[in-house]
């Protein structure tokens, strides 16, 4: 039982609010570009290659540098790294808002990615230092999770509102006052923490981890967009090879970035894997629900963003319920329950049809969001608690990196499966009367089919849209069923790899690594 004097007070809870705000913005900047691209493209006129870099460079560097920034915070101070990153993030946001060329925007987005990589691991690690009571820390991590997850949902909505009245740069400019607020209040409300014996920072290890993560994620992304080929295969293989060199260095260097001993305990490795599986299904399936709303149901980006609000609003309920129940039935049981709830939502989505309507889609996605929210809060807190305090930064970074990998892999795998199913359906069922170019465009993507239909005679256009919508909902059902297997498999993994009964919560001396406390 923790002493009353060590329980968090008003100062810590206000500090938590300060920590959550930059995480919301960092997450928003991953999704806000979807609604910003049309006006940005019209103004700056980037090439296709430049447009891809504008979209991707932020997420690439964000994922690639999380481990480095988390470890750096453990070495030199988590608050110092956070505030330095906040200043850089605000500056990069200002540059992005007022840039007049694609090249400068790419550079500014790259700086935003580097700075953004400091925010998630530093804020989560500081929560580990600010909240010593298990129940309070679980609540704090739940609030943090809701903010980080909610930012991705709110991003398109905020972007759509701003673009109704201002120029595209306004979506970046809103970051600046929040970062200024963090720089003012951070030194007053946030404690500084660094490892007692940090050792030297491993620059070579940081470079190896960056190259490994960027290469693997880039290869996965290329596979998702263009299919598997030699370039992504070589890139992924190179990334895995560099990753093996990184792990070898971690075993031999005096001051490793990652304590590999953590991976010998199931209470650390299993939650990491569950985190990846959770985001695999969530991010991977998001490819389909946005297209269903905008292309099949004919909604605008802003309308579809508004319809996604219920899935965002229910997530805090899932997080709050999971946090409350974790001390009653144990965290592994809460994760199992959350995964099963998400499985039920994906199972409903595996039955969707073209005429199912927005109510059916949003209802099923809301069930998914309820389950995912419960899992996300608990799994992050379990990962954080499994690491010693001096390694909290690295553990936080690993949690976020596992989520990034899961999301990238979900997009690649579910996207590739969906594309193969769609093309097979369209090849066998496309209406007669299309010339080869029209058939190729309609068979490539649902967007291509919708665009092609606009130039056809009404009867042929209606037939093409009908076939394309049916083909897309078929691929959507397949992707949902794969998500069912992934989430249900995660529940089975926890059941078999972690002890979930009350009697098993007390570790035995010879089997400490197999338990997760409640």
Protein backbone atom coordinates (compact mmCIF):
# COMPACT_ATOMS: atom_id res chain seq x y z
CA UNK A 1 0.00 0.00 0.00
CA UNK A 2 1.49 3.28 -1.11
CA UNK A 3 1.83 6.12 1.36
CA UNK A 4 -0.78 8.89 1.15
CA UNK A 5 2.02 11.43 0.74
CA UNK A 6 3.08 9.72 -2.47
CA UNK A 7 -0.36 9.93 -4.07
CA UNK A 8 -0.65 12.47 -6.86
CA UNK A 9 -2.30 15.78 -6.05
CA UNK A 10 -3.74 18.70 -7.98
CA UNK A 11 -0.34 19.72 -9.30
CA UNK A 12 0.23 16.33 -10.92
CA UNK A 13 -3.24 16.18 -12.49
CA UNK A 14 -2.84 19.66 -13.98
CA UNK A 15 0.57 18.54 -15.21
CA UNK A 16 -1.12 15.55 -16.86
CA UNK A 17 -3.40 17.92 -18.79
CA UNK A 18 -0.31 19.81 -19.96
CA UNK A 19 1.28 16.52 -21.09
CA UNK A 20 -1.77 15.32 -23.01
CA UNK A 21 -2.21 18.44 -25.15
CA UNK A 22 0.97 18.07 -27.24
CA UNK A 23 0.23 14.37 -27.73
CA UNK A 24 -3.18 15.23 -29.14
CA UNK A 25 -1.55 17.60 -31.62
CA UNK A 26 1.21 15.16 -32.59
CA UNK A 27 -1.44 12.54 -33.31
CA UNK A 28 -3.65 15.03 -35.17
CA UNK A 29 -0.81 15.89 -37.52
CA UNK A 30 -0.77 12.29 -38.72
CA UNK A 31 -4.36 12.46 -39.97
CA UNK A 32 -5.06 16.12 -40.69
CA UNK A 33 -3.17 15.94 -43.98
CA UNK A 34 -5.94 13.87 -45.56
CA UNK A 35 -8.33 16.84 -45.65
CA UNK A 36 -5.55 19.39 -46.25
CA UNK A 37 -4.07 17.83 -49.39
CA UNK A 38 -6.46 19.22 -52.03
CA UNK A 39 -5.99 22.91 -51.11
CA UNK A 40 -2.29 22.42 -50.34
CA UNK A 41 -1.75 20.78 -53.73
CA UNK A 42 -3.60 23.54 -55.57
CA UNK A 43 -1.45 26.20 -53.89
CA UNK A 44 2.04 24.67 -53.88
CA UNK A 45 1.63 22.38 -56.93
CA UNK A 46 4.04 19.66 -55.75
CA UNK A 47 5.07 16.80 -58.00
CA UNK A 48 3.71 13.33 -57.23
CA UNK A 49 7.00 12.40 -55.56
CA UNK A 50 7.03 15.59 -53.47
CA UNK A 51 3.43 14.98 -52.45
CA UNK A 52 4.31 11.53 -51.16
CA UNK A 53 7.17 12.96 -49.12
CA UNK A 54 4.94 15.69 -47.69
CA UNK A 55 2.55 12.98 -46.54
CA UNK A 56 5.03 10.38 -45.33
CA UNK A 57 8.16 12.05 -43.97
CA UNK A 58 6.45 13.08 -40.70
CA UNK A 59 5.21 9.58 -39.86
CA UNK A 60 8.46 7.91 -40.96
CA UNK A 61 10.67 10.03 -38.70
CA UNK A 62 8.15 9.93 -35.88
CA UNK A 63 8.27 6.12 -35.83
CA UNK A 64 11.99 5.85 -36.55
CA UNK A 65 13.17 8.12 -33.74
CA UNK A 66 10.89 7.17 -30.84
CA UNK A 67 13.32 4.65 -29.36
CA UNK A 68 16.19 7.12 -29.71
CA UNK A 69 14.27 9.97 -28.10
CA UNK A 70 12.92 7.78 -25.31
CA UNK A 71 16.41 6.59 -24.47
CA UNK A 72 17.80 10.12 -24.74
CA UNK A 73 15.23 11.26 -22.18
CA UNK A 74 16.38 8.54 -19.80
CA UNK A 75 19.94 9.77 -20.24
CA UNK A 76 19.74 13.58 -20.10
CA UNK A 77 16.32 14.25 -18.62
CA UNK A 78 12.79 13.57 -19.83
CA UNK A 79 11.48 17.08 -19.23
CA UNK A 80 14.46 18.59 -21.02
CA UNK A 81 13.91 16.41 -24.08
CA UNK A 82 10.17 17.12 -24.03
CA UNK A 83 10.56 20.90 -23.84
CA UNK A 84 13.28 20.93 -26.50
CA UNK A 85 11.05 18.87 -28.76
CA UNK A 86 8.07 21.15 -28.06
CA UNK A 87 10.07 24.22 -29.10
CA UNK A 88 11.21 22.49 -32.29
CA UNK A 89 7.68 21.25 -33.02
CA UNK A 90 6.24 24.75 -32.65
CA UNK A 91 8.93 26.22 -34.91
CA UNK A 92 8.43 23.52 -37.55
CA UNK A 93 4.65 24.04 -37.43
CA UNK A 94 5.13 27.78 -38.02
CA UNK A 95 7.41 27.09 -40.97
CA UNK A 96 4.94 24.56 -42.40
CA UNK A 97 2.08 27.05 -42.17
CA UNK A 98 3.84 29.82 -44.09
CA UNK A 99 5.99 27.88 -46.55
CA UNK A 100 5.72 28.73 -50.23
CA UNK A 101 7.45 25.70 -51.76
CA UNK A 102 7.07 21.90 -51.54
CA UNK A 103 10.77 21.47 -50.68
CA UNK A 104 10.55 23.72 -47.62
CA UNK A 105 7.33 22.01 -46.52
CA UNK A 106 9.01 18.61 -46.74
CA UNK A 107 11.89 19.88 -44.61
CA UNK A 108 9.51 21.44 -42.09
CA UNK A 109 7.45 18.23 -41.90
CA UNK A 110 10.66 16.28 -41.34
CA UNK A 111 11.56 18.57 -38.43
CA UNK A 112 8.04 18.09 -37.08
CA UNK A 113 8.56 14.31 -37.19
CA UNK A 114 11.88 14.55 -35.35
CA UNK A 115 10.38 16.83 -32.71
CA UNK A 116 7.17 14.80 -32.49
CA UNK A 117 9.21 11.70 -31.65
CA UNK A 118 10.13 13.32 -28.34
CA UNK A 119 6.53 13.90 -27.27
CA UNK A 120 5.00 10.43 -26.84
CA UNK A 121 7.86 8.66 -24.98
CA UNK A 122 8.75 11.69 -22.86
CA UNK A 123 5.17 12.39 -21.78
CA UNK A 124 4.43 8.76 -21.02
CA UNK A 125 7.68 8.33 -19.10
CA UNK A 126 6.97 11.47 -17.06
CA UNK A 127 3.58 10.00 -16.14
CA UNK A 128 5.51 7.03 -14.73
CA UNK A 129 7.40 9.45 -12.48
CA UNK A 130 4.45 11.64 -11.51
CA UNK A 131 1.95 8.91 -10.58
CA UNK A 132 3.33 6.31 -8.16
CA UNK A 133 -0.01 4.88 -7.06
CA UNK A 134 -1.06 2.01 -9.35
CA UNK A 135 -4.68 3.10 -9.63
CA UNK A 136 -3.81 6.74 -10.28
CA UNK A 137 -1.16 5.80 -12.82
CA UNK A 138 -3.64 3.55 -14.65
CA UNK A 139 -6.11 6.44 -14.82
CA UNK A 140 -3.40 8.84 -16.00
CA UNK A 141 -2.26 6.45 -18.72
CA UNK A 142 -5.90 6.04 -19.76
CA UNK A 143 -6.29 9.80 -20.13
CA UNK A 144 -3.03 9.95 -22.11
CA UNK A 145 -4.21 7.10 -24.36
CA UNK A 146 -7.54 8.79 -25.01
CA UNK A 147 -5.75 12.00 -25.98
CA UNK A 148 -3.29 10.29 -28.31
CA UNK A 149 -5.92 8.10 -29.96
CA UNK A 150 -8.49 10.89 -30.08
CA UNK A 151 -6.12 13.25 -31.87
CA UNK A 152 -6.08 11.00 -34.93
CA UNK A 153 -9.90 11.04 -35.05
CA UNK A 154 -10.29 14.75 -34.37
CA UNK A 155 -7.62 15.73 -36.90
CA UNK A 156 -9.82 15.56 -40.03
CA UNK A 157 -12.70 17.30 -38.22
CA UNK A 158 -10.55 20.19 -37.00
CA UNK A 159 -8.88 20.38 -40.40
CA UNK A 160 -12.23 20.51 -42.16
CA UNK A 161 -13.50 23.31 -39.90
CA UNK A 162 -10.36 25.38 -40.33
CA UNK A 163 -10.34 24.95 -44.11
CA UNK A 164 -13.92 26.22 -44.25
CA UNK A 165 -12.66 29.67 -43.13
CA UNK A 166 -8.84 29.83 -43.46
CA UNK A 167 -5.99 28.74 -45.72
CA UNK A 168 -4.39 25.30 -45.50
CA UNK A 169 -1.51 26.52 -43.31
CA UNK A 170 -3.92 27.13 -40.42
CA UNK A 171 -3.98 23.39 -39.64
CA UNK A 172 -0.30 23.67 -38.66
CA UNK A 173 -0.50 27.05 -37.01
CA UNK A 174 -2.81 25.82 -34.24
CA UNK A 175 0.15 23.82 -32.87
CA UNK A 176 2.12 26.94 -31.98
CA UNK A 177 0.11 28.32 -29.01
CA UNK A 178 -0.15 24.86 -27.44
CA UNK A 179 3.60 24.36 -27.61
CA UNK A 180 4.15 27.83 -26.12
CA UNK A 181 1.80 26.86 -23.28
CA UNK A 182 3.80 23.68 -22.71
CA UNK A 183 7.08 25.65 -22.63
CA UNK A 184 5.63 28.06 -20.03
CA UNK A 185 3.88 25.55 -17.76
CA UNK A 186 6.24 22.59 -18.19
CA UNK A 187 9.03 23.88 -15.92
CA UNK A 188 6.43 24.80 -13.27
CA UNK A 189 4.37 21.59 -13.22
CA UNK A 190 6.51 18.77 -14.58
CA UNK A 191 9.30 17.04 -12.62
CA UNK A 192 12.66 16.38 -14.17
CA UNK A 193 13.89 12.82 -14.19
CA UNK A 194 16.92 11.03 -15.55
CA UNK A 195 18.39 7.63 -14.81
CA UNK A 196 20.71 7.66 -11.74
CA UNK A 197 23.51 6.02 -13.74
CA UNK A 198 22.59 6.74 -17.35
CA UNK A 199 25.86 5.87 -19.07
CA UNK A 200 26.91 7.28 -22.43
CA UNK A 201 24.40 7.82 -25.21
CA UNK A 202 24.88 5.19 -27.94
CA UNK A 203 24.97 7.27 -31.12
CA UNK A 204 25.78 4.29 -33.37
CA UNK A 205 22.93 2.32 -31.80
CA UNK A 206 20.57 5.24 -32.43
CA UNK A 207 21.57 5.36 -36.10
CA UNK A 208 21.14 1.60 -36.48
CA UNK A 209 17.67 1.67 -34.90
CA UNK A 210 16.62 4.58 -37.11
CA UNK A 211 17.78 2.90 -40.32
CA UNK A 212 16.21 -0.43 -39.34
CA UNK A 213 12.80 1.03 -38.50
CA UNK A 214 12.66 3.39 -41.49
CA UNK A 215 13.67 0.64 -43.94
CA UNK A 216 11.12 -1.88 -42.67
CA UNK A 217 8.23 0.62 -42.48
CA UNK A 218 9.11 2.03 -45.92
CA UNK A 219 9.13 -1.47 -47.40
CA UNK A 220 5.77 -2.26 -45.82
CA UNK A 221 4.29 1.00 -47.09
CA UNK A 222 5.50 0.41 -50.66
CA UNK A 223 4.03 -3.10 -50.52
CA UNK A 224 0.69 -1.69 -49.39
CA UNK A 225 0.62 0.86 -52.23
CA UNK A 226 2.10 -1.08 -55.15
CA UNK A 227 2.17 -4.73 -54.15
CA UNK A 228 5.09 -6.91 -53.12
CA UNK A 229 8.16 -6.65 -55.37
CA UNK A 230 11.93 -6.58 -55.38
CA UNK A 231 12.31 -3.05 -54.04
CA UNK A 232 10.20 -3.52 -50.89
CA UNK A 233 11.63 -7.01 -50.41
CA UNK A 234 15.21 -5.72 -50.49
CA UNK A 235 14.31 -2.75 -48.29
CA UNK A 236 12.63 -4.91 -45.65
CA UNK A 237 15.47 -7.43 -45.71
CA UNK A 238 18.02 -4.63 -45.32
CA UNK A 239 16.02 -3.18 -42.43
CA UNK A 240 15.83 -6.54 -40.67
CA UNK A 241 19.57 -7.04 -41.18
CA UNK A 242 20.37 -3.65 -39.68
CA UNK A 243 17.91 -4.45 -36.89
CA UNK A 244 19.84 -7.64 -36.13
CA UNK A 245 23.05 -5.60 -35.96
CA UNK A 246 21.31 -3.19 -33.58
CA UNK A 247 20.24 -6.03 -31.27
CA UNK A 248 23.74 -7.49 -31.36
CA UNK A 249 25.16 -4.13 -30.35
CA UNK A 250 22.66 -3.88 -27.50
CA UNK A 251 23.99 -7.17 -26.13
CA UNK A 252 27.61 -6.09 -26.25
CA UNK A 253 27.74 -2.35 -25.56
CA UNK A 254 28.34 -1.03 -22.06
CA UNK A 255 25.38 1.41 -22.14
CA UNK A 256 22.65 -0.15 -24.33
CA UNK A 257 19.67 1.86 -25.53
CA UNK A 258 17.32 -1.02 -24.75
CA UNK A 259 17.61 -3.44 -21.86
CA UNK A 260 17.12 -6.73 -23.71
CA UNK A 261 16.48 -8.46 -20.38
CA UNK A 262 13.00 -6.91 -20.52
CA UNK A 263 12.15 -9.17 -23.44
CA UNK A 264 12.78 -12.27 -21.32
CA UNK A 265 9.62 -11.57 -19.32
CA UNK A 266 6.20 -12.37 -20.72
CA UNK A 267 4.64 -9.49 -18.82
CA UNK A 268 6.61 -7.17 -21.13
CA UNK A 269 6.78 -9.02 -24.46
CA UNK A 270 3.17 -10.25 -24.61
CA UNK A 271 1.65 -6.76 -24.05
CA UNK A 272 4.01 -5.37 -26.72
CA UNK A 273 2.70 -7.97 -29.17
CA UNK A 274 -0.91 -7.29 -28.15
CA UNK A 275 -0.29 -3.57 -28.74
CA UNK A 276 0.89 -4.34 -32.26
CA UNK A 277 -2.05 -6.66 -32.98
CA UNK A 278 -4.53 -4.10 -31.67
CA UNK A 279 -3.26 -1.37 -34.00
CA UNK A 280 -2.83 -3.87 -36.86
CA UNK A 281 -6.58 -4.37 -36.98
CA UNK A 282 -7.58 -0.81 -36.05
CA UNK A 283 -5.36 1.10 -38.49
CA UNK A 284 -5.53 -1.52 -41.21
CA UNK A 285 -9.32 -1.57 -41.28
CA UNK A 286 -9.55 2.23 -41.25
CA UNK A 287 -8.53 2.05 -44.93
CA UNK A 288 -11.94 0.62 -45.70
CA UNK A 289 -14.39 2.53 -43.52
CA UNK A 290 -13.30 5.94 -44.89
CA UNK A 291 -13.65 4.73 -48.48
CA UNK A 292 -17.04 3.19 -47.70
CA UNK A 293 -18.35 6.47 -46.31
CA UNK A 294 -16.91 8.72 -49.02
CA UNK A 295 -17.11 6.58 -52.17
CA UNK A 296 -19.91 4.09 -51.55
CA UNK A 297 -22.17 6.37 -49.49
CA UNK A 298 -21.07 9.58 -51.27
CA UNK A 299 -20.12 11.63 -48.21
CA UNK A 300 -17.68 14.52 -48.21
CA UNK A 301 -14.47 14.20 -46.12
CA UNK A 302 -15.93 16.53 -43.52
CA UNK A 303 -19.21 14.61 -43.34
CA UNK A 304 -17.41 11.31 -42.94
CA UNK A 305 -15.23 12.83 -40.22
CA UNK A 306 -18.35 13.95 -38.34
CA UNK A 307 -19.83 10.46 -38.61
CA UNK A 308 -16.63 9.10 -37.05
CA UNK A 309 -17.27 11.13 -33.88
CA UNK A 310 -19.24 8.36 -32.10
CA UNK A 311 -16.25 6.05 -32.36
CA UNK A 312 -14.10 8.76 -30.76
CA UNK A 313 -16.60 9.62 -28.03
CA UNK A 314 -17.03 6.00 -26.93
CA UNK A 315 -13.30 5.42 -26.56
CA UNK A 316 -12.99 7.31 -23.25
CA UNK A 317 -15.84 5.15 -21.94
CA UNK A 318 -13.90 2.03 -22.85
CA UNK A 319 -10.76 3.42 -21.25
CA UNK A 320 -12.58 4.44 -18.05
CA UNK A 321 -14.34 1.08 -17.78
CA UNK A 322 -11.11 -0.84 -18.38
CA UNK A 323 -9.24 1.24 -15.80
CA UNK A 324 -11.95 0.65 -13.18
CA UNK A 325 -12.22 -3.08 -13.88
CA UNK A 326 -8.48 -3.77 -14.02
CA UNK A 327 -8.23 -3.69 -10.22
CA UNK A 328 -11.23 -5.97 -9.84
CA UNK A 329 -10.58 -8.71 -12.37
CA UNK A 330 -6.93 -8.11 -13.32
CA UNK A 331 -5.35 -6.42 -16.31
CA UNK A 332 -4.96 -9.59 -18.42
CA UNK A 333 -8.68 -10.31 -18.07
CA UNK A 334 -9.50 -6.71 -19.01
CA UNK A 335 -7.35 -7.00 -22.14
CA UNK A 336 -9.07 -10.26 -23.06
CA UNK A 337 -12.49 -8.66 -22.58
CA UNK A 338 -11.53 -5.64 -24.69
CA UNK A 339 -10.21 -7.82 -27.50
CA UNK A 340 -13.37 -9.93 -27.46
CA UNK A 341 -15.55 -6.81 -27.64
CA UNK A 342 -13.48 -5.58 -30.59
CA UNK A 343 -13.81 -9.05 -32.15
CA UNK A 344 -17.61 -8.76 -31.92
CA UNK A 345 -17.46 -5.40 -33.72
CA UNK A 346 -15.25 -6.78 -36.49
CA UNK A 347 -17.55 -9.79 -36.78
CA UNK A 348 -20.46 -7.42 -37.42
CA UNK A 349 -18.35 -5.62 -40.03
CA UNK A 350 -17.64 -8.95 -41.74
CA UNK A 351 -21.38 -9.09 -42.54
CA UNK A 352 -21.65 -5.60 -44.08
CA UNK A 353 -23.31 -5.11 -47.45
CA UNK A 354 -23.48 -2.21 -49.89
CA UNK A 355 -26.93 -1.27 -48.65
CA UNK A 356 -26.12 -1.60 -44.95
CA UNK A 357 -25.99 2.17 -44.50
CA UNK A 358 -24.06 4.52 -42.27
CA UNK A 359 -25.88 3.47 -39.08
CA UNK A 360 -24.72 -0.13 -39.36
CA UNK A 361 -21.12 0.88 -40.12
CA UNK A 362 -20.86 3.42 -37.30
CA UNK A 363 -22.58 1.07 -34.84
CA UNK A 364 -20.11 -1.74 -35.55
CA UNK A 365 -17.13 0.62 -35.48
CA UNK A 366 -18.34 2.01 -32.15
CA UNK A 367 -18.25 -1.50 -30.66
CA UNK A 368 -14.73 -1.94 -32.06
CA UNK A 369 -13.66 1.39 -30.60
CA UNK A 370 -15.06 0.49 -27.17
CA UNK A 371 -12.98 -2.68 -27.08
CA UNK A 372 -9.85 -1.13 -28.53
CA UNK A 373 -9.98 1.76 -26.07
CA UNK A 374 -10.09 -0.64 -23.15
CA UNK A 375 -7.16 -2.64 -24.44
CA UNK A 376 -5.03 0.38 -25.34
CA UNK A 377 -5.13 1.98 -21.88
CA UNK A 378 -4.39 -1.22 -19.98
CA UNK A 379 -1.74 -2.61 -22.32
CA UNK A 380 0.26 0.63 -22.29
CA UNK A 381 0.17 0.77 -18.49
CA UNK A 382 1.28 -2.88 -18.25
CA UNK A 383 4.25 -2.24 -20.54
CA UNK A 384 5.21 0.86 -18.59
CA UNK A 385 4.91 -0.87 -15.21
CA UNK A 386 6.96 -3.87 -16.34
CA UNK A 387 10.05 -1.69 -16.89
CA UNK A 388 12.12 -0.20 -14.07
CA UNK A 389 11.66 3.58 -13.57
CA UNK A 390 15.06 4.39 -15.06
CA UNK A 391 14.03 2.61 -18.30
CA UNK A 392 10.55 4.16 -18.54
CA UNK A 393 11.51 6.33 -21.52
CA UNK A 394 12.80 3.39 -23.55
CA UNK A 395 9.80 1.25 -22.54
CA UNK A 396 7.39 4.01 -23.59
CA UNK A 397 9.16 4.32 -26.92
CA UNK A 398 8.96 0.56 -27.48
CA UNK A 399 5.23 0.65 -26.75
CA UNK A 400 4.69 3.38 -29.32
CA UNK A 401 7.03 1.77 -31.86
CA UNK A 402 5.17 -1.55 -31.58
CA UNK A 403 1.94 0.33 -32.30
CA UNK A 404 3.52 2.05 -35.33
CA UNK A 405 4.74 -1.28 -36.70
CA UNK A 406 1.36 -2.88 -36.10
CA UNK A 407 -0.41 -0.07 -37.92
CA UNK A 408 1.99 -0.12 -40.88
CA UNK A 409 1.73 -3.90 -41.14
CA UNK A 410 -2.07 -3.73 -40.90
CA UNK A 411 -2.25 -1.27 -43.78
CA UNK A 412 0.09 -3.43 -45.89
CA UNK A 413 -1.50 -6.81 -45.15
CA UNK A 414 -5.18 -5.84 -45.11
CA UNK A 415 -4.63 -3.41 -47.99
CA UNK A 416 -2.93 -6.07 -50.10
CA UNK A 417 -5.59 -8.68 -49.32
CA UNK A 418 -8.36 -6.19 -50.06
CA UNK A 419 -6.79 -5.09 -53.34
CA UNK A 420 -6.40 -8.69 -54.52
CA UNK A 421 -10.03 -9.49 -53.65
CA UNK A 422 -11.33 -6.31 -55.33
CA UNK A 423 -9.38 -6.87 -58.53
CA UNK A 424 -10.49 -10.50 -58.72
CA UNK A 425 -14.14 -9.50 -58.30
CA UNK A 426 -13.91 -6.69 -60.84
CA UNK A 427 -12.08 -8.78 -63.43
CA UNK A 428 -14.80 -11.42 -63.41
CA UNK A 429 -17.86 -9.15 -63.04
CA UNK A 430 -17.05 -5.84 -64.79
CA UNK A 431 -19.88 -4.77 -67.14
CA UNK A 432 -19.44 -5.10 -70.89
CA UNK A 433 -18.76 -2.07 -73.03
CA UNK A 434 -15.68 -0.70 -71.26
CA UNK A 435 -12.58 -0.01 -73.31
CA UNK A 436 -9.24 -1.40 -72.02
CA UNK A 437 -8.21 1.88 -70.35
CA UNK A 438 -11.56 2.24 -68.59
CA UNK A 439 -11.50 -1.39 -67.47
CA UNK A 440 -7.94 -1.02 -66.13
CA UNK A 441 -8.82 2.11 -64.15
CA UNK A 442 -12.01 0.58 -62.73
CA UNK A 443 -10.22 -2.65 -61.78
CA UNK A 444 -7.33 -0.86 -60.06
CA UNK A 445 -9.20 0.88 -57.21
CA UNK A 446 -12.71 1.80 -56.11
CA UNK A 447 -11.83 5.46 -56.62
CA UNK A 448 -10.80 4.65 -60.17
CA UNK A 449 -14.13 2.92 -60.79
CA UNK A 450 -16.10 5.90 -59.44
CA UNK A 451 -14.11 8.35 -61.57
CA UNK A 452 -14.48 6.17 -64.65
CA UNK A 453 -18.25 5.90 -64.16
CA UNK A 454 -18.63 9.68 -64.33
CA UNK A 455 -17.63 9.68 -68.02
CA UNK A 456 -19.89 6.77 -69.07
CA UNK A 457 -23.45 6.53 -70.28
CA UNK A 458 -25.92 6.46 -67.33
CA UNK A 459 -26.84 2.77 -67.67
CA UNK A 460 -23.25 1.59 -68.00
CA UNK A 461 -22.12 3.95 -65.22
CA UNK A 462 -24.77 2.60 -62.86
CA UNK A 463 -23.79 -0.99 -63.68
CA UNK A 464 -20.10 -0.21 -63.08
CA UNK A 465 -20.78 1.50 -59.75
CA UNK A 466 -22.97 -1.39 -58.62
CA UNK A 467 -20.32 -4.00 -59.41
CA UNK A 468 -17.53 -1.87 -57.92
CA UNK A 469 -19.45 -1.21 -54.70
CA UNK A 470 -20.23 -4.91 -54.33
CA UNK A 471 -16.58 -5.81 -54.97
CA UNK A 472 -15.43 -3.29 -52.41
CA UNK A 473 -17.82 -4.42 -49.70
CA UNK A 474 -16.68 -8.00 -50.40
CA UNK A 475 -13.05 -7.01 -49.81
CA UNK A 476 -14.20 -5.08 -46.74
CA UNK A 477 -15.83 -8.23 -45.35
CA UNK A 478 -12.64 -10.23 -45.92
CA UNK A 479 -10.54 -7.57 -44.18
CA UNK A 480 -12.98 -7.53 -41.25
CA UNK A 481 -12.78 -11.30 -40.93
CA UNK A 482 -8.97 -11.13 -40.86
CA UNK A 483 -9.33 -8.54 -38.08
CA UNK A 484 -11.59 -11.00 -36.23
CA UNK A 485 -8.83 -13.60 -36.40
CA UNK A 486 -6.20 -11.10 -35.23
CA UNK A 487 -8.12 -9.77 -32.23
CA UNK A 488 -9.45 -13.18 -31.19
CA UNK A 489 -5.91 -14.53 -31.57
CA UNK A 490 -4.68 -11.79 -29.25
CA UNK A 491 -7.21 -12.85 -26.62
CA UNK A 492 -6.05 -16.47 -26.93
CA UNK A 493 -2.42 -15.35 -26.67
CA UNK A 494 -3.05 -13.58 -23.36
CA UNK A 495 -5.01 -16.56 -22.04
CA UNK A 496 -2.23 -19.02 -22.84
CA UNK A 497 0.84 -16.85 -22.19
CA UNK A 498 -0.22 -14.85 -19.14
CA UNK A 499 -1.90 -16.10 -16.02
CA UNK A 500 -5.23 -14.41 -15.54
CA UNK A 501 -6.73 -15.97 -12.45
CA UNK A 502 -6.67 -14.26 -9.09
CA UNK A 503 -4.66 -17.09 -7.61
CA UNK A 504 -1.99 -16.59 -10.24
CA UNK A 505 -1.40 -12.92 -9.48
CA UNK A 506 1.10 -13.75 -6.73
CA UNK A 507 4.35 -14.66 -8.52
CA UNK A 508 6.21 -17.78 -7.57
CA UNK A 509 9.96 -17.42 -7.07
CA UNK A 510 10.68 -19.78 -9.95
CA UNK A 511 8.17 -18.31 -12.41
CA UNK A 512 8.03 -14.58 -11.87
CA UNK A 513 8.07 -13.68 -15.52
CA UNK A 514 4.71 -15.25 -16.34
CA UNK A 515 2.50 -13.08 -14.17
CA UNK A 516 0.90 -9.72 -14.67
CA UNK A 517 -0.32 -7.97 -11.55
CA UNK A 518 -3.76 -6.51 -11.36
